[in-house]
Amino acid sequence: DGVLPWVEERLTELEAKTPVLFDETDGIDFEAVADTKPDVILAAYSGLTKKDYDTLSEIAPVVAYPDAAWATPWREIIRTN
């Protein structure tokens, strides 16, 4: 499901739902993202383009990578997300 075991364990402890994850390999399915009615879209480790960011921002606030696509260090992802 794309969630690391330690994340899954913590979600279980918190009785929280696993977030919906999307694979952007073949592009972003914006309709599927919108269908989840997100409060926020977390994409600190992604390959979002400016166009993707703008489209997603019409759905919900977006937390994108700070500098370069697919280059955010994991510690910064944790702080950012």
N, C-alpha and C. Protein backbone atom coordinates (compact mmCIF):
# COMPACT_ATOMS: atom_id res chain seq x y z
N ASP A 1 0.81 -1.20 0.00
CA ASP A 1 0.00 0.00 0.00
C ASP A 1 0.85 1.26 0.00
N GLY A 2 2.17 1.12 -0.01
CA GLY A 2 3.05 2.28 -0.09
C GLY A 2 3.38 2.91 1.25
N VAL A 3 2.87 2.36 2.34
CA VAL A 3 3.12 2.92 3.67
C VAL A 3 4.16 2.06 4.38
N LEU A 4 5.16 2.70 4.92
CA LEU A 4 6.21 1.97 5.63
C LEU A 4 5.65 1.31 6.88
N PRO A 5 6.21 0.15 7.28
CA PRO A 5 5.69 -0.58 8.43
C PRO A 5 5.60 0.26 9.71
N TRP A 6 6.61 1.08 9.98
CA TRP A 6 6.58 1.89 11.20
C TRP A 6 5.49 2.96 11.13
N VAL A 7 5.18 3.43 9.93
CA VAL A 7 4.09 4.40 9.77
C VAL A 7 2.76 3.70 10.00
N GLU A 8 2.61 2.52 9.42
CA GLU A 8 1.38 1.74 9.60
C GLU A 8 1.15 1.43 11.07
N GLU A 9 2.22 1.07 11.77
CA GLU A 9 2.12 0.76 13.21
C GLU A 9 1.63 1.99 13.98
N ARG A 10 2.20 3.13 13.68
CA ARG A 10 1.81 4.36 14.38
C ARG A 10 0.37 4.76 14.05
N LEU A 11 -0.03 4.60 12.81
CA LEU A 11 -1.42 4.89 12.43
C LEU A 11 -2.38 4.00 13.21
N THR A 12 -2.01 2.73 13.37
CA THR A 12 -2.83 1.79 14.13
C THR A 12 -2.92 2.24 15.59
N GLU A 13 -1.78 2.61 16.18
CA GLU A 13 -1.78 3.09 17.56
C GLU A 13 -2.69 4.30 17.74
N LEU A 14 -2.70 5.17 16.75
CA LEU A 14 -3.51 6.39 16.81
C LEU A 14 -4.96 6.17 16.38
N GLU A 15 -5.25 4.93 15.95
CA GLU A 15 -6.56 4.60 15.41
C GLU A 15 -6.92 5.54 14.26
N ALA A 16 -5.90 5.82 13.44
CA ALA A 16 -6.06 6.72 12.30
C ALA A 16 -6.14 5.92 11.01
N LYS A 17 -6.80 6.48 10.05
CA LYS A 17 -6.88 5.84 8.73
C LYS A 17 -5.57 6.02 7.98
N THR A 18 -5.23 5.04 7.17
CA THR A 18 -4.09 5.18 6.28
C THR A 18 -4.45 6.19 5.21
N PRO A 19 -3.59 7.18 4.98
CA PRO A 19 -3.91 8.17 3.95
C PRO A 19 -3.95 7.54 2.57
N VAL A 20 -4.74 8.14 1.70
CA VAL A 20 -4.81 7.67 0.32
C VAL A 20 -3.54 8.12 -0.38
N LEU A 21 -2.86 7.19 -1.03
CA LEU A 21 -1.63 7.49 -1.75
C LEU A 21 -1.88 7.34 -3.24
N PHE A 22 -1.22 8.18 -4.02
CA PHE A 22 -1.37 8.13 -5.47
C PHE A 22 -0.01 7.96 -6.12
N ASP A 23 0.04 7.16 -7.17
CA ASP A 23 1.25 6.96 -7.96
C ASP A 23 1.16 7.91 -9.14
N GLU A 24 2.15 8.79 -9.29
CA GLU A 24 2.09 9.76 -10.37
C GLU A 24 2.92 9.34 -11.59
N THR A 25 3.30 8.06 -11.66
CA THR A 25 4.10 7.56 -12.77
C THR A 25 3.47 7.86 -14.12
N ASP A 26 2.18 7.65 -14.23
CA ASP A 26 1.47 7.89 -15.49
C ASP A 26 0.71 9.21 -15.46
N GLY A 27 1.13 10.13 -14.62
CA GLY A 27 0.44 11.40 -14.47
C GLY A 27 -0.52 11.34 -13.29
N ILE A 28 -0.96 12.49 -12.87
CA ILE A 28 -1.83 12.58 -11.71
C ILE A 28 -3.28 12.47 -12.14
N ASP A 29 -4.02 11.61 -11.47
CA ASP A 29 -5.46 11.48 -11.71
C ASP A 29 -6.15 12.52 -10.82
N PHE A 30 -6.29 13.72 -11.34
CA PHE A 30 -6.82 14.83 -10.55
C PHE A 30 -8.24 14.56 -10.06
N GLU A 31 -9.02 13.88 -10.87
CA GLU A 31 -10.39 13.56 -10.47
C GLU A 31 -10.39 12.62 -9.26
N ALA A 32 -9.51 11.62 -9.28
CA ALA A 32 -9.42 10.69 -8.15
C ALA A 32 -8.95 11.42 -6.89
N VAL A 33 -8.02 12.34 -7.05
CA VAL A 33 -7.57 13.13 -5.90
C VAL A 33 -8.74 13.95 -5.35
N ALA A 34 -9.46 14.62 -6.23
CA ALA A 34 -10.60 15.45 -5.80
C ALA A 34 -11.67 14.60 -5.13
N ASP A 35 -11.87 13.38 -5.62
CA ASP A 35 -12.89 12.49 -5.05
C ASP A 35 -12.62 12.15 -3.58
N THR A 36 -11.36 12.24 -3.14
CA THR A 36 -11.05 11.96 -1.74
C THR A 36 -11.39 13.13 -0.83
N LYS A 37 -11.70 14.28 -1.42
CA LYS A 37 -12.04 15.49 -0.66
C LYS A 37 -10.99 15.80 0.41
N PRO A 38 -9.73 15.96 -0.02
CA PRO A 38 -8.65 16.16 0.95
C PRO A 38 -8.71 17.53 1.62
N ASP A 39 -8.23 17.58 2.86
CA ASP A 39 -8.06 18.85 3.56
C ASP A 39 -6.76 19.52 3.11
N VAL A 40 -5.79 18.68 2.77
CA VAL A 40 -4.48 19.14 2.32
C VAL A 40 -3.87 18.05 1.44
N ILE A 41 -3.03 18.43 0.51
CA ILE A 41 -2.34 17.48 -0.36
C ILE A 41 -0.85 17.57 -0.03
N LEU A 42 -0.29 16.46 0.46
CA LEU A 42 1.11 16.42 0.86
C LEU A 42 1.95 15.86 -0.29
N ALA A 43 2.86 16.68 -0.80
CA ALA A 43 3.68 16.27 -1.94
C ALA A 43 5.11 16.77 -1.79
N ALA A 44 5.64 16.70 -0.57
CA ALA A 44 6.99 17.18 -0.32
C ALA A 44 8.04 16.34 -1.05
N TYR A 45 7.72 15.09 -1.32
CA TYR A 45 8.61 14.23 -2.10
C TYR A 45 7.83 13.79 -3.32
N SER A 46 7.91 14.60 -4.37
CA SER A 46 7.12 14.34 -5.57
C SER A 46 7.81 14.97 -6.77
N GLY A 47 7.16 14.84 -7.90
CA GLY A 47 7.66 15.44 -9.13
C GLY A 47 6.67 16.44 -9.70
N LEU A 48 5.90 17.08 -8.82
CA LEU A 48 4.89 18.02 -9.29
C LEU A 48 5.48 19.09 -10.20
N THR A 49 4.76 19.37 -11.27
CA THR A 49 5.10 20.51 -12.12
C THR A 49 4.30 21.71 -11.61
N LYS A 50 4.61 22.88 -12.11
CA LYS A 50 3.85 24.08 -11.74
C LYS A 50 2.39 23.91 -12.12
N LYS A 51 2.15 23.33 -13.29
CA LYS A 51 0.77 23.09 -13.75
C LYS A 51 0.06 22.12 -12.80
N ASP A 52 0.74 21.02 -12.42
CA ASP A 52 0.16 20.06 -11.46
C ASP A 52 -0.18 20.77 -10.15
N TYR A 53 0.78 21.57 -9.67
CA TYR A 53 0.59 22.29 -8.40
C TYR A 53 -0.64 23.20 -8.50
N ASP A 54 -0.74 23.94 -9.59
CA ASP A 54 -1.88 24.86 -9.76
C ASP A 54 -3.20 24.11 -9.80
N THR A 55 -3.23 22.98 -10.51
CA THR A 55 -4.46 22.19 -10.61
C THR A 55 -4.82 21.60 -9.25
N LEU A 56 -3.85 21.03 -8.56
CA LEU A 56 -4.10 20.46 -7.23
C LEU A 56 -4.53 21.54 -6.23
N SER A 57 -3.98 22.73 -6.37
CA SER A 57 -4.33 23.83 -5.46
C SER A 57 -5.79 24.24 -5.58
N GLU A 58 -6.41 23.92 -6.72
CA GLU A 58 -7.84 24.18 -6.87
C GLU A 58 -8.66 23.17 -6.07
N ILE A 59 -8.04 22.04 -5.71
CA ILE A 59 -8.71 20.98 -4.95
C ILE A 59 -8.53 21.22 -3.45
N ALA A 60 -7.29 21.50 -3.03
CA ALA A 60 -6.97 21.70 -1.61
C ALA A 60 -5.60 22.37 -1.53
N PRO A 61 -5.24 22.92 -0.37
CA PRO A 61 -3.88 23.45 -0.22
C PRO A 61 -2.85 22.34 -0.47
N VAL A 62 -1.75 22.71 -1.10
CA VAL A 62 -0.71 21.74 -1.47
C VAL A 62 0.59 22.07 -0.75
N VAL A 63 1.19 21.05 -0.14
CA VAL A 63 2.53 21.17 0.43
C VAL A 63 3.46 20.48 -0.57
N ALA A 64 4.20 21.28 -1.32
CA ALA A 64 5.07 20.75 -2.37
C ALA A 64 6.52 20.72 -1.89
N TYR A 65 7.38 20.16 -2.73
CA TYR A 65 8.81 20.11 -2.40
C TYR A 65 9.37 21.53 -2.38
N PRO A 66 10.34 21.79 -1.49
CA PRO A 66 10.85 23.15 -1.34
C PRO A 66 11.84 23.58 -2.43
N ASP A 67 12.62 22.65 -2.96
CA ASP A 67 13.67 23.05 -3.89
C ASP A 67 13.61 22.35 -5.25
N ALA A 68 13.72 21.04 -5.24
CA ALA A 68 13.78 20.28 -6.49
C ALA A 68 12.94 19.02 -6.38
N ALA A 69 12.36 18.63 -7.51
CA ALA A 69 11.54 17.42 -7.56
C ALA A 69 12.35 16.20 -7.13
N TRP A 70 11.72 15.35 -6.34
CA TRP A 70 12.28 14.08 -5.88
C TRP A 70 13.60 14.24 -5.13
N ALA A 71 13.85 15.39 -4.53
CA ALA A 71 15.14 15.62 -3.89
C ALA A 71 15.03 16.03 -2.42
N THR A 72 13.84 16.01 -1.86
CA THR A 72 13.67 16.45 -0.47
C THR A 72 14.18 15.36 0.48
N PRO A 73 15.13 15.69 1.35
CA PRO A 73 15.63 14.71 2.32
C PRO A 73 14.50 14.27 3.27
N TRP A 74 14.58 13.03 3.74
CA TRP A 74 13.48 12.48 4.53
C TRP A 74 13.21 13.28 5.80
N ARG A 75 14.23 13.82 6.42
CA ARG A 75 14.00 14.61 7.64
C ARG A 75 13.20 15.88 7.32
N GLU A 76 13.49 16.48 6.19
CA GLU A 76 12.75 17.67 5.78
C GLU A 76 11.32 17.31 5.40
N ILE A 77 11.13 16.14 4.80
CA ILE A 77 9.77 15.68 4.48
C ILE A 77 8.95 15.56 5.76
N ILE A 78 9.55 15.00 6.79
CA ILE A 78 8.85 14.84 8.06
C ILE A 78 8.49 16.20 8.65
N ARG A 79 9.42 17.14 8.61
CA ARG A 79 9.15 18.48 9.14
C ARG A 79 8.09 19.20 8.29
N THR A 80 8.17 19.03 6.99
CA THR A 80 7.28 19.73 6.07
C THR A 80 5.87 19.17 6.11
N ASN A 81 5.77 17.84 6.06
CA ASN A 81 4.45 17.22 6.03
C ASN A 81 3.87 17.18 7.42
